């Protein structure tokens, strides 16, 4: 049997790219102690880890990398109390603002960035995946690990 690396993963670092302030203390445990209690520093650390991962993936000859999107808007999934108009749309714009520079780095390294659809993440079903894809202006490196839209929508 021959083992080979098919992709690297930055699930926890990806989670830290977009953390809602209500979860700051809970998510500090996923980052080095030096950035605990400092959300901006924690986010900066997480982004840098993803940039390193893009280069590492390229250096290993990999074409795909898997991550989580974060949970910037997760608290809005259940619509009670009623959300203000535009809150979710603004959330996807902010998510895209945070992720497009990372996606651009993966693009420069020739690696797809695949977002795992997962409960607790902003990308938790096919609809949220598509909304994010639209918010990134259909970034060519934004992918789903299975790379199958029927599967993506079946998860909805």
Protein backbone atom coordinates (compact mmCIF):
# COMPACT_ATOMS: atom_id res chain seq x y z
CA UNK A 1 0.00 0.00 0.00
CA UNK A 2 1.28 3.45 -0.91
CA UNK A 3 0.18 6.44 1.13
CA UNK A 4 0.07 9.89 -0.40
CA UNK A 5 -1.09 13.27 0.76
CA UNK A 6 -4.16 14.42 -1.17
CA UNK A 7 -4.76 17.72 0.61
CA UNK A 8 -3.94 19.70 3.70
CA UNK A 9 -6.56 21.05 6.11
CA UNK A 10 -6.97 24.26 8.08
CA UNK A 11 -10.36 23.65 9.65
CA UNK A 12 -9.61 25.34 12.98
CA UNK A 13 -7.67 28.21 11.41
CA UNK A 14 -10.46 28.75 8.87
CA UNK A 15 -12.95 28.82 11.72
CA UNK A 16 -10.96 31.68 13.27
CA UNK A 17 -11.06 33.85 10.14
CA UNK A 18 -14.67 34.78 10.92
CA UNK A 19 -15.74 34.55 14.56
CA UNK A 20 -18.79 36.39 15.87
CA UNK A 21 -17.82 38.44 18.96
CA UNK A 22 -20.24 36.42 21.11
CA UNK A 23 -17.95 33.40 20.57
CA UNK A 24 -14.58 35.10 21.09
CA UNK A 25 -13.72 33.51 24.41
CA UNK A 26 -14.84 30.05 23.29
CA UNK A 27 -12.72 30.14 20.13
CA UNK A 28 -9.56 31.43 21.78
CA UNK A 29 -8.69 27.83 22.61
CA UNK A 30 -8.10 27.10 18.91
CA UNK A 31 -5.30 29.69 18.69
CA UNK A 32 -1.93 30.17 20.39
CA UNK A 33 -2.08 31.63 23.91
CA UNK A 34 -0.26 34.76 22.71
CA UNK A 35 -3.42 35.88 20.88
CA UNK A 36 -6.04 34.88 23.46
CA UNK A 37 -8.27 37.78 24.43
CA UNK A 38 -7.33 39.71 21.27
CA UNK A 39 -9.79 38.92 18.48
CA UNK A 40 -7.97 41.00 15.85
CA UNK A 41 -4.63 39.31 16.57
CA UNK A 42 -6.29 35.89 16.56
CA UNK A 43 -7.87 36.59 13.17
CA UNK A 44 -4.56 37.86 11.79
CA UNK A 45 -2.83 34.69 13.04
CA UNK A 46 -5.49 32.50 11.40
CA UNK A 47 -5.26 34.33 8.07
CA UNK A 48 -1.47 33.95 8.07
CA UNK A 49 -1.81 30.22 8.73
CA UNK A 50 -4.05 29.91 5.67
CA UNK A 51 -1.55 31.85 3.56
CA UNK A 52 1.18 29.47 4.72
CA UNK A 53 -1.08 26.53 3.89
CA UNK A 54 -1.59 27.79 0.34
CA UNK A 55 2.17 27.82 -0.23
CA UNK A 56 2.66 24.48 1.54
CA UNK A 57 -0.04 22.92 -0.64
CA UNK A 58 1.69 24.20 -3.77
CA UNK A 59 5.09 22.97 -2.53
CA UNK A 60 3.61 19.50 -2.00
CA UNK A 61 2.10 19.50 -5.49
CA UNK A 62 -1.46 19.49 -4.15
CA UNK A 63 -4.37 20.95 -6.09
CA UNK A 64 -6.93 21.25 -3.27
CA UNK A 65 -7.05 22.36 0.35
CA UNK A 66 -9.97 22.02 2.78
CA UNK A 67 -11.14 24.43 5.49
CA UNK A 68 -14.11 25.82 7.42
CA UNK A 69 -15.68 29.21 6.68
CA UNK A 70 -16.10 30.43 10.25
CA UNK A 71 -19.25 31.33 12.16
CA UNK A 72 -19.64 35.06 11.80
CA UNK A 73 -23.41 34.78 11.21
CA UNK A 74 -24.24 31.42 12.79
CA UNK A 75 -26.26 33.07 15.55
CA UNK A 76 -28.70 34.32 12.86
CA UNK A 77 -29.61 30.86 11.55
CA UNK A 78 -32.73 30.63 13.69
CA UNK A 79 -34.84 33.67 12.75
CA UNK A 80 -35.95 34.62 16.24
CA UNK A 81 -35.98 37.33 17.16
CA UNK A 82 -36.59 38.55 13.66
CA UNK A 83 -33.41 39.72 11.95
CA UNK A 84 -33.14 43.30 10.71
CA UNK A 85 -33.44 43.63 6.94
CA UNK A 86 -30.08 43.21 5.24
CA UNK A 87 -28.27 41.62 8.20
CA UNK A 88 -27.56 38.32 6.45
CA UNK A 89 -26.64 40.02 3.16
CA UNK A 90 -24.18 42.25 5.02
CA UNK A 91 -22.81 39.17 6.75
CA UNK A 92 -22.04 37.46 3.44
CA UNK A 93 -20.37 40.65 2.18
CA UNK A 94 -18.17 40.71 5.29
CA UNK A 95 -17.39 37.01 4.94
CA UNK A 96 -16.34 37.57 1.31
CA UNK A 97 -14.24 40.59 2.32
CA UNK A 98 -12.31 38.40 4.75
CA UNK A 99 -11.93 35.40 2.45
CA UNK A 100 -11.29 36.87 -1.03
CA UNK A 101 -7.67 37.87 -0.24
CA UNK A 102 -7.09 34.32 1.04
CA UNK A 103 -8.75 32.85 -2.06
CA UNK A 104 -6.52 35.10 -4.20
CA UNK A 105 -3.43 33.67 -2.48
CA UNK A 106 -4.63 30.13 -3.11
CA UNK A 107 -5.21 31.11 -6.73
CA UNK A 108 -1.64 32.43 -7.06
CA UNK A 109 -0.47 29.06 -5.75
CA UNK A 110 -2.71 27.06 -8.11
CA UNK A 111 -4.73 25.45 -5.31
CA UNK A 112 -8.51 25.24 -4.87
CA UNK A 113 -9.85 26.19 -1.44
CA UNK A 114 -12.64 23.77 -0.55
CA UNK A 115 -15.08 24.76 2.20
CA UNK A 116 -16.56 21.90 4.17
CA UNK A 117 -20.30 22.30 4.61
CA UNK A 118 -20.89 21.83 8.33
CA UNK A 119 -23.41 22.74 11.06
CA UNK A 120 -22.07 25.62 13.12
CA UNK A 121 -20.40 27.19 10.08
CA UNK A 122 -21.69 30.04 7.96
CA UNK A 123 -21.50 27.62 5.04
CA UNK A 124 -23.81 24.96 6.45
CA UNK A 125 -25.86 23.95 3.40
CA UNK A 126 -26.02 24.36 -0.36
CA UNK A 127 -27.84 27.69 -0.16
CA UNK A 128 -25.27 29.32 2.12
CA UNK A 129 -22.44 27.92 -0.02
CA UNK A 130 -23.99 29.48 -3.14
CA UNK A 131 -24.59 32.82 -1.37
CA UNK A 132 -20.95 32.92 -0.32
CA UNK A 133 -19.82 31.99 -3.84
CA UNK A 134 -21.93 34.85 -5.22
CA UNK A 135 -20.53 37.26 -2.60
CA UNK A 136 -16.99 36.38 -3.73
CA UNK A 137 -18.00 37.15 -7.32
CA UNK A 138 -17.87 33.42 -8.08
CA UNK A 139 -14.21 33.11 -7.20
CA UNK A 140 -12.75 30.31 -9.31
CA UNK A 141 -10.80 28.80 -6.38
CA UNK A 142 -13.83 28.55 -4.07
CA UNK A 143 -14.89 24.91 -4.10
CA UNK A 144 -16.81 22.30 -2.14
CA UNK A 145 -14.69 19.29 -1.11
CA UNK A 146 -16.96 16.91 -3.01
CA UNK A 147 -17.06 19.30 -5.99
CA UNK A 148 -20.61 18.33 -6.76
CA UNK A 149 -23.43 20.84 -6.69
CA UNK A 150 -26.14 18.14 -6.52
CA UNK A 151 -24.49 16.86 -3.31
CA UNK A 152 -24.17 20.39 -2.03
CA UNK A 153 -27.89 21.05 -2.49
CA UNK A 154 -28.82 17.63 -1.15
CA UNK A 155 -27.20 18.69 2.11
CA UNK A 156 -29.56 21.67 2.34
